[in-house]
Amino acid sequence: MTVLHLADEGETADFAAFLSRLLHYDRGAAVRLQAAGTALAVFGRPPSFEVLAIRAVRLAKPYENGLDVTLDVTVSAGELLESLDELAATAGVPAAVTGPPWAGVLPPRSGWTPEPGLPGPQALSGMIAAGVAEFRSRTEELTPEGRTRAELDRIGREIWSRTVGDTSLPVRAVHAAQSLGFLRPGGESGLFSSGAWLRLRTPYGSIAVRRAGLGALGVSVR
């Protein structure tokens, strides 16, 4: 089994927390791993948010025995989590799985340009709190007969599809960043674009989302 040597115990714990959060939203979650040198990129898609979550993990060395090769594989998030050894700061790469459709279409690696208009961290957190409160209030007003899954989904889509400030970033991307532990006190966020993609970048991870109406521009199929 291929063994990844993570930078330290803290990096391993953060990685485990990210996988646990993905599994909270999808028990059968898969993640795509791409590693080169001492950098590991982990891609996941929590279905509740319809976004792509990206977590960068620092490695102490490329692979066991120092093999200088790249890694690109889609695996079970649950099996990967079980393989993590926090004290040893290692992770065993499970057997590859048949990747879900999203795993074949990833954001580009380069060509990102800054986008203006993103509010500060406190405003972003307030926006999510307001959205959650509105969803709770509106669903509580429904009659028992009207509280259907379709109606709950409709209300949720209406709230979370709104855009953030003067940007075209949907609020659900910020909600996903907060739910996955990417929005933390003191961490500055930035918004970037490349073709059809928008990327909310924080020191702890990124959320990428396709902009509506731009077709397949900027898609990276790897």
C-alpha atoms as a PDB file:
ATOM      1  CA  MET A   1       0.000   0.000   0.000  1.00  0.00           C
ATOM      2  CA  THR A   2       1.246   3.475  -0.856  1.00  0.00           C
ATOM      3  CA  VAL A   3       1.976   5.427   2.323  1.00  0.00           C
ATOM      4  CA  LEU A   4       1.802   9.207   2.529  1.00  0.00           C
ATOM      5  CA  HIS A   5       3.987  10.882   5.150  1.00  0.00           C
ATOM      6  CA  LEU A   6       2.235  13.992   6.393  1.00  0.00           C
ATOM      7  CA  ALA A   7       4.092  17.020   7.707  1.00  0.00           C
ATOM      8  CA  ASP A   8       3.176  16.507  11.373  1.00  0.00           C
ATOM      9  CA  GLU A   9       0.484  15.377  13.814  1.00  0.00           C
ATOM     10  CA  GLY A  10      -1.416  18.643  13.480  1.00  0.00           C
ATOM     11  CA  GLU A  11      -1.628  18.309   9.713  1.00  0.00           C
ATOM     12  CA  THR A  12      -2.892  14.749  10.133  1.00  0.00           C
ATOM     13  CA  ALA A  13      -5.556  15.835  12.638  1.00  0.00           C
ATOM     14  CA  ASP A  14      -6.786  18.605  10.317  1.00  0.00           C
ATOM     15  CA  PHE A  15      -6.888  16.156   7.419  1.00  0.00           C
ATOM     16  CA  ALA A  16      -8.912  13.701   9.522  1.00  0.00           C
ATOM     17  CA  ALA A  17     -11.343  16.472  10.516  1.00  0.00           C
ATOM     18  CA  PHE A  18     -11.886  17.399   6.868  1.00  0.00           C
ATOM     19  CA  LEU A  19     -12.605  13.785   5.873  1.00  0.00           C
ATOM     20  CA  SER A  20     -14.958  13.388   8.846  1.00  0.00           C
ATOM     21  CA  ARG A  21     -16.938  16.448   7.774  1.00  0.00           C
ATOM     22  CA  LEU A  22     -17.245  15.128   4.218  1.00  0.00           C
ATOM     23  CA  LEU A  23     -18.483  11.801   5.544  1.00  0.00           C
ATOM     24  CA  HIS A  24     -21.027  13.609   7.720  1.00  0.00           C
ATOM     25  CA  TYR A  25     -22.739  14.798   4.540  1.00  0.00           C
ATOM     26  CA  ASP A  26     -22.173  11.610   2.534  1.00  0.00           C
ATOM     27  CA  ARG A  27     -21.297   8.300   4.216  1.00  0.00           C
ATOM     28  CA  GLY A  28     -20.175   6.920   0.867  1.00  0.00           C
ATOM     29  CA  ALA A  29     -18.040   9.954  -0.016  1.00  0.00           C
ATOM     30  CA  ALA A  30     -15.119   9.565  -2.375  1.00  0.00           C
ATOM     31  CA  VAL A  31     -12.147  11.902  -2.647  1.00  0.00           C
ATOM     32  CA  ARG A  32      -9.694  12.446  -5.458  1.00  0.00           C
ATOM     33  CA  LEU A  33      -6.063  12.682  -4.391  1.00  0.00           C
ATOM     34  CA  GLN A  34      -3.392  14.405  -6.436  1.00  0.00           C
ATOM     35  CA  ALA A  35       0.128  14.546  -5.054  1.00  0.00           C
ATOM     36  CA  ALA A  36       3.417  15.762  -6.434  1.00  0.00           C
ATOM     37  CA  GLY A  37       6.491  16.551  -4.394  1.00  0.00           C
ATOM     38  CA  THR A  38       5.460  17.449  -0.862  1.00  0.00           C
ATOM     39  CA  ALA A  39       1.986  18.762  -1.729  1.00  0.00           C
ATOM     40  CA  LEU A  40      -1.231  16.735  -1.653  1.00  0.00           C
ATOM     41  CA  ALA A  41      -4.483  18.148  -3.015  1.00  0.00           C
ATOM     42  CA  VAL A  42      -7.675  16.469  -1.803  1.00  0.00           C
ATOM     43  CA  PHE A  43     -10.932  17.067  -3.694  1.00  0.00           C
ATOM     44  CA  GLY A  44     -14.385  16.212  -2.351  1.00  0.00           C
ATOM     45  CA  ARG A  45     -17.972  17.124  -3.136  1.00  0.00           C
ATOM     46  CA  PRO A  46     -20.425  17.399  -0.223  1.00  0.00           C
ATOM     47  CA  PRO A  47     -23.786  16.857  -1.990  1.00  0.00           C
ATOM     48  CA  SER A  48     -25.746  19.209   0.250  1.00  0.00           C
ATOM     49  CA  PHE A  49     -23.852  22.229  -1.093  1.00  0.00           C
ATOM     50  CA  GLU A  50     -23.240  21.359  -4.773  1.00  0.00           C
ATOM     51  CA  VAL A  51     -19.676  22.684  -4.610  1.00  0.00           C
ATOM     52  CA  LEU A  52     -16.189  21.248  -4.853  1.00  0.00           C
ATOM     53  CA  ALA A  53     -14.132  21.317  -1.646  1.00  0.00           C
ATOM     54  CA  ILE A  54     -10.352  21.402  -1.945  1.00  0.00           C
ATOM     55  CA  ARG A  55      -8.007  20.745   0.970  1.00  0.00           C
ATOM     56  CA  ALA A  56      -4.246  21.130   0.623  1.00  0.00           C
ATOM     57  CA  VAL A  57      -2.226  18.788   2.829  1.00  0.00           C
ATOM     58  CA  ARG A  58       1.485  19.239   3.503  1.00  0.00           C
ATOM     59  CA  LEU A  59       3.655  16.143   3.148  1.00  0.00           C
ATOM     60  CA  ALA A  60       6.951  15.489   4.878  1.00  0.00           C
ATOM     61  CA  LYS A  61       8.193  13.580   1.840  1.00  0.00           C
ATOM     62  CA  PRO A  62       6.549  12.412  -1.375  1.00  0.00           C
ATOM     63  CA  TYR A  63       6.042   8.717  -0.614  1.00  0.00           C
ATOM     64  CA  GLU A  64       7.360   5.797   1.347  1.00  0.00           C
ATOM     65  CA  ASN A  65      10.957   5.005   0.347  1.00  0.00           C
ATOM     66  CA  GLY A  66      11.217   8.466  -1.201  1.00  0.00           C
ATOM     67  CA  LEU A  67       9.819   7.488  -4.602  1.00  0.00           C
ATOM     68  CA  ASP A  68       9.741  10.635  -6.709  1.00  0.00           C
ATOM     69  CA  VAL A  69       6.499   9.971  -8.571  1.00  0.00           C
ATOM     70  CA  THR A  70       3.105  11.613  -8.743  1.00  0.00           C
ATOM     71  CA  LEU A  71      -0.151  10.261  -7.357  1.00  0.00           C
ATOM     72  CA  ASP A  72      -3.599  10.724  -8.899  1.00  0.00           C
ATOM     73  CA  VAL A  73      -6.329   8.413  -7.631  1.00  0.00           C
ATOM     74  CA  THR A  74      -9.941   8.465  -6.412  1.00  0.00           C
ATOM     75  CA  VAL A  75     -10.540   6.541  -3.185  1.00  0.00           C
ATOM     76  CA  SER A  76     -13.119   6.004  -0.456  1.00  0.00           C
ATOM     77  CA  ALA A  77     -13.032   8.867   2.054  1.00  0.00           C
ATOM     78  CA  GLY A  78     -14.033   6.460   4.828  1.00  0.00           C
ATOM     79  CA  GLU A  79     -11.220   4.005   4.095  1.00  0.00           C
ATOM     80  CA  LEU A  80      -8.730   6.852   3.837  1.00  0.00           C
ATOM     81  CA  LEU A  81      -9.856   8.209   7.207  1.00  0.00           C
ATOM     82  CA  GLU A  82      -9.439   4.774   8.796  1.00  0.00           C
ATOM     83  CA  SER A  83      -5.884   4.557   7.452  1.00  0.00           C
ATOM     84  CA  LEU A  84      -4.738   7.791   9.118  1.00  0.00           C
ATOM     85  CA  ASP A  85      -2.261   7.357  11.954  1.00  0.00           C
ATOM     86  CA  GLU A  86      -2.059  10.659  13.811  1.00  0.00           C
ATOM     87  CA  LEU A  87       0.925   9.744  15.991  1.00  0.00           C
ATOM     88  CA  ALA A  88       2.957   8.487  13.039  1.00  0.00           C
ATOM     89  CA  ALA A  89       1.571  11.261  10.767  1.00  0.00           C
ATOM     90  CA  THR A  90       0.942   8.798   7.968  1.00  0.00           C
ATOM     91  CA  ALA A  91      -1.930   7.811   5.696  1.00  0.00           C
ATOM     92  CA  GLY A  92      -2.257   4.647   3.653  1.00  0.00           C
ATOM     93  CA  VAL A  93      -3.800   5.171   0.228  1.00  0.00           C
ATOM     94  CA  PRO A  94      -6.723   2.722  -0.196  1.00  0.00           C
ATOM     95  CA  ALA A  95      -7.535   0.877  -3.390  1.00  0.00           C
ATOM     96  CA  ALA A  96      -8.947   3.051  -6.157  1.00  0.00           C
ATOM     97  CA  VAL A  97     -12.705   3.249  -6.631  1.00  0.00           C
ATOM     98  CA  THR A  98     -14.764   4.090  -9.676  1.00  0.00           C
ATOM     99  CA  GLY A  99     -14.872   7.831  -9.397  1.00  0.00           C
ATOM    100  CA  PRO A 100     -18.123   9.799  -9.393  1.00  0.00           C
ATOM    101  CA  PRO A 101     -18.652  12.120 -12.405  1.00  0.00           C
ATOM    102  CA  TRP A 102     -17.422  15.227 -10.588  1.00  0.00           C
ATOM    103  CA  ALA A 103     -14.005  13.643 -10.001  1.00  0.00           C
ATOM    104  CA  GLY A 104     -13.249  13.830 -13.726  1.00  0.00           C
ATOM    105  CA  VAL A 105     -13.873  17.564 -13.993  1.00  0.00           C
ATOM    106  CA  LEU A 106     -11.646  19.673 -11.747  1.00  0.00           C
ATOM    107  CA  PRO A 107     -10.888  23.393 -11.640  1.00  0.00           C
ATOM    108  CA  PRO A 108      -7.745  24.528 -13.481  1.00  0.00           C
ATOM    109  CA  ARG A 109      -4.503  24.545 -11.542  1.00  0.00           C
ATOM    110  CA  SER A 110      -3.444  28.009 -12.696  1.00  0.00           C
ATOM    111  CA  GLY A 111      -4.762  31.144 -14.350  1.00  0.00           C
ATOM    112  CA  TRP A 112      -6.692  32.404 -11.321  1.00  0.00           C
ATOM    113  CA  THR A 113      -7.290  36.138 -11.072  1.00  0.00           C
ATOM    114  CA  PRO A 114      -8.572  38.041  -8.003  1.00  0.00           C
ATOM    115  CA  GLU A 115     -12.229  39.075  -7.958  1.00  0.00           C
ATOM    116  CA  PRO A 116     -13.321  42.178  -6.016  1.00  0.00           C
ATOM    117  CA  GLY A 117     -16.327  42.575  -3.756  1.00  0.00           C
ATOM    118  CA  LEU A 118     -15.920  39.753  -1.221  1.00  0.00           C
ATOM    119  CA  PRO A 119     -17.038  40.900   2.264  1.00  0.00           C
ATOM    120  CA  GLY A 120     -14.845  40.362   5.314  1.00  0.00           C
ATOM    121  CA  PRO A 121     -14.909  37.227   7.504  1.00  0.00           C
ATOM    122  CA  GLN A 122     -17.337  38.672  10.050  1.00  0.00           C
ATOM    123  CA  ALA A 123     -19.795  39.685   7.345  1.00  0.00           C
ATOM    124  CA  LEU A 124     -19.561  36.249   5.737  1.00  0.00           C
ATOM    125  CA  SER A 125     -20.314  34.517   9.033  1.00  0.00           C
ATOM    126  CA  GLY A 126     -23.248  36.853   9.600  1.00  0.00           C
ATOM    127  CA  MET A 127     -24.581  36.064   6.147  1.00  0.00           C
ATOM    128  CA  ILE A 128     -24.604  32.339   6.915  1.00  0.00           C
ATOM    129  CA  ALA A 129     -26.262  32.862  10.295  1.00  0.00           C
ATOM    130  CA  ALA A 130     -28.962  34.968   8.642  1.00  0.00           C
ATOM    131  CA  GLY A 131     -29.527  32.320   5.985  1.00  0.00           C
ATOM    132  CA  VAL A 132     -29.878  29.557   8.552  1.00  0.00           C
ATOM    133  CA  ALA A 133     -32.288  31.663  10.599  1.00  0.00           C
ATOM    134  CA  GLU A 134     -34.383  32.486   7.527  1.00  0.00           C
ATOM    135  CA  PHE A 135     -34.559  28.838   6.493  1.00  0.00           C
ATOM    136  CA  ARG A 136     -35.666  27.814   9.983  1.00  0.00           C
ATOM    137  CA  SER A 137     -38.277  30.588  10.159  1.00  0.00           C
ATOM    138  CA  ARG A 138     -39.752  29.882   6.738  1.00  0.00           C
ATOM    139  CA  THR A 139     -39.938  26.123   7.236  1.00  0.00           C
ATOM    140  CA  GLU A 140     -41.560  26.521  10.653  1.00  0.00           C
ATOM    141  CA  GLU A 141     -44.323  28.551   8.995  1.00  0.00           C
ATOM    142  CA  LEU A 142     -45.229  25.670   6.689  1.00  0.00           C
ATOM    143  CA  THR A 143     -48.280  23.566   7.437  1.00  0.00           C
ATOM    144  CA  PRO A 144     -47.643  19.869   8.115  1.00  0.00           C
ATOM    145  CA  GLU A 145     -49.062  19.057   4.670  1.00  0.00           C
ATOM    146  CA  GLY A 146     -46.812  21.626   3.021  1.00  0.00           C
ATOM    147  CA  ARG A 147     -43.626  20.530   4.760  1.00  0.00           C
ATOM    148  CA  THR A 148     -42.531  18.272   1.919  1.00  0.00           C
ATOM    149  CA  ARG A 149     -38.977  17.483   0.907  1.00  0.00           C
ATOM    150  CA  ALA A 150     -39.569  19.283  -2.391  1.00  0.00           C
ATOM    151  CA  GLU A 151     -40.714  22.464  -0.616  1.00  0.00           C
ATOM    152  CA  LEU A 152     -37.827  22.375   1.869  1.00  0.00           C
ATOM    153  CA  ASP A 153     -35.385  21.943  -1.002  1.00  0.00           C
ATOM    154  CA  ARG A 154     -36.998  24.831  -2.896  1.00  0.00           C
ATOM    155  CA  ILE A 155     -36.627  27.183   0.068  1.00  0.00           C
ATOM    156  CA  GLY A 156     -33.049  26.069   0.623  1.00  0.00           C
ATOM    157  CA  ARG A 157     -32.125  26.601  -3.040  1.00  0.00           C
ATOM    158  CA  GLU A 158     -33.679  30.075  -2.995  1.00  0.00           C
ATOM    159  CA  ILE A 159     -31.695  31.144   0.070  1.00  0.00           C
ATOM    160  CA  TRP A 160     -28.347  29.560  -0.711  1.00  0.00           C
ATOM    161  CA  SER A 161     -28.320  30.472  -4.408  1.00  0.00           C
ATOM    162  CA  ARG A 162     -28.272  34.180  -3.593  1.00  0.00           C
ATOM    163  CA  THR A 163     -24.979  35.863  -4.351  1.00  0.00           C
ATOM    164  CA  VAL A 164     -22.447  37.227  -1.881  1.00  0.00           C
ATOM    165  CA  GLY A 165     -22.129  41.009  -1.831  1.00  0.00           C
ATOM    166  CA  ASP A 166     -21.244  42.385  -5.255  1.00  0.00           C
ATOM    167  CA  THR A 167     -19.830  39.078  -6.476  1.00  0.00           C
ATOM    168  CA  SER A 168     -21.381  36.185  -8.389  1.00  0.00           C
ATOM    169  CA  LEU A 169     -20.357  33.686  -5.700  1.00  0.00           C
ATOM    170  CA  PRO A 170     -23.429  31.805  -4.379  1.00  0.00           C
ATOM    171  CA  VAL A 171     -23.960  31.944  -0.626  1.00  0.00           C
ATOM    172  CA  ARG A 172     -23.940  28.133  -0.526  1.00  0.00           C
ATOM    173  CA  ALA A 173     -20.189  28.245  -1.264  1.00  0.00           C
ATOM    174  CA  VAL A 174     -19.592  30.276   1.901  1.00  0.00           C
ATOM    175  CA  HIS A 175     -21.938  27.989   3.836  1.00  0.00           C
ATOM    176  CA  ALA A 176     -19.917  24.994   2.637  1.00  0.00           C
ATOM    177  CA  ALA A 177     -16.647  26.672   3.627  1.00  0.00           C
ATOM    178  CA  GLN A 178     -17.950  27.272   7.132  1.00  0.00           C
ATOM    179  CA  SER A 179     -19.430  23.771   7.484  1.00  0.00           C
ATOM    180  CA  LEU A 180     -16.177  22.129   6.369  1.00  0.00           C
ATOM    181  CA  GLY A 181     -14.041  24.150   8.786  1.00  0.00           C
ATOM    182  CA  PHE A 182     -12.442  26.445   6.213  1.00  0.00           C
ATOM    183  CA  LEU A 183     -13.773  29.701   7.685  1.00  0.00           C
ATOM    184  CA  ARG A 184     -12.030  30.315  10.994  1.00  0.00           C
ATOM    185  CA  PRO A 185     -11.433  33.430  13.099  1.00  0.00           C
ATOM    186  CA  GLY A 186      -8.423  35.369  11.909  1.00  0.00           C
ATOM    187  CA  GLY A 187      -8.260  33.653   8.524  1.00  0.00           C
ATOM    188  CA  GLU A 188      -8.524  36.020   5.567  1.00  0.00           C
ATOM    189  CA  SER A 189     -10.523  34.820   2.558  1.00  0.00           C
ATOM    190  CA  GLY A 190     -10.104  35.719  -1.099  1.00  0.00           C
ATOM    191  CA  LEU A 191     -12.216  35.241  -4.210  1.00  0.00           C
ATOM    192  CA  PHE A 192     -10.663  34.225  -7.528  1.00  0.00           C
ATOM    193  CA  SER A 193     -11.937  33.294 -10.977  1.00  0.00           C
ATOM    194  CA  SER A 194     -10.700  31.226 -13.902  1.00  0.00           C
ATOM    195  CA  GLY A 195     -12.975  30.654 -16.875  1.00  0.00           C
ATOM    196  CA  ALA A 196     -16.253  29.205 -15.637  1.00  0.00           C
ATOM    197  CA  TRP A 197     -14.937  28.680 -12.120  1.00  0.00           C
ATOM    198  CA  LEU A 198     -15.047  30.768  -8.971  1.00  0.00           C
ATOM    199  CA  ARG A 199     -12.862  29.855  -6.015  1.00  0.00           C
ATOM    200  CA  LEU A 200     -13.269  30.973  -2.427  1.00  0.00           C
ATOM    201  CA  ARG A 201      -9.811  30.546  -0.941  1.00  0.00           C
ATOM    202  CA  THR A 202      -8.992  30.502   2.763  1.00  0.00           C
ATOM    203  CA  PRO A 203      -5.825  29.471   4.644  1.00  0.00           C
ATOM    204  CA  TYR A 204      -7.545  26.180   5.533  1.00  0.00           C
ATOM    205  CA  GLY A 205      -9.074  25.113   2.231  1.00  0.00           C
ATOM    206  CA  SER A 206     -10.948  26.277  -0.847  1.00  0.00           C
ATOM    207  CA  ILE A 207     -14.445  25.991  -2.260  1.00  0.00           C
ATOM    208  CA  ALA A 208     -14.805  25.962  -6.056  1.00  0.00           C
ATOM    209  CA  VAL A 209     -18.077  26.395  -7.899  1.00  0.00           C
ATOM    210  CA  ARG A 210     -19.091  26.680 -11.538  1.00  0.00           C
ATOM    211  CA  ARG A 211     -20.633  29.968 -12.590  1.00  0.00           C
ATOM    212  CA  ALA A 212     -24.038  29.581 -14.231  1.00  0.00           C
ATOM    213  CA  GLY A 213     -24.371  30.288 -17.915  1.00  0.00           C
ATOM    214  CA  LEU A 214     -20.699  29.918 -18.855  1.00  0.00           C
ATOM    215  CA  GLY A 215     -20.874  26.427 -20.294  1.00  0.00           C
ATOM    216  CA  ALA A 216     -17.703  24.374 -20.166  1.00  0.00           C
ATOM    217  CA  LEU A 217     -15.212  27.250 -20.300  1.00  0.00           C
ATOM    218  CA  GLY A 218     -12.201  26.690 -18.123  1.00  0.00           C
ATOM    219  CA  VAL A 219     -12.953  23.049 -17.339  1.00  0.00           C
ATOM    220  CA  SER A 220      -9.969  20.843 -16.632  1.00  0.00           C
ATOM    221  CA  VAL A 221     -10.635  17.174 -17.332  1.00  0.00           C
ATOM    222  CA  ARG A 222      -7.865  15.088 -15.812  1.00  0.00           C
END
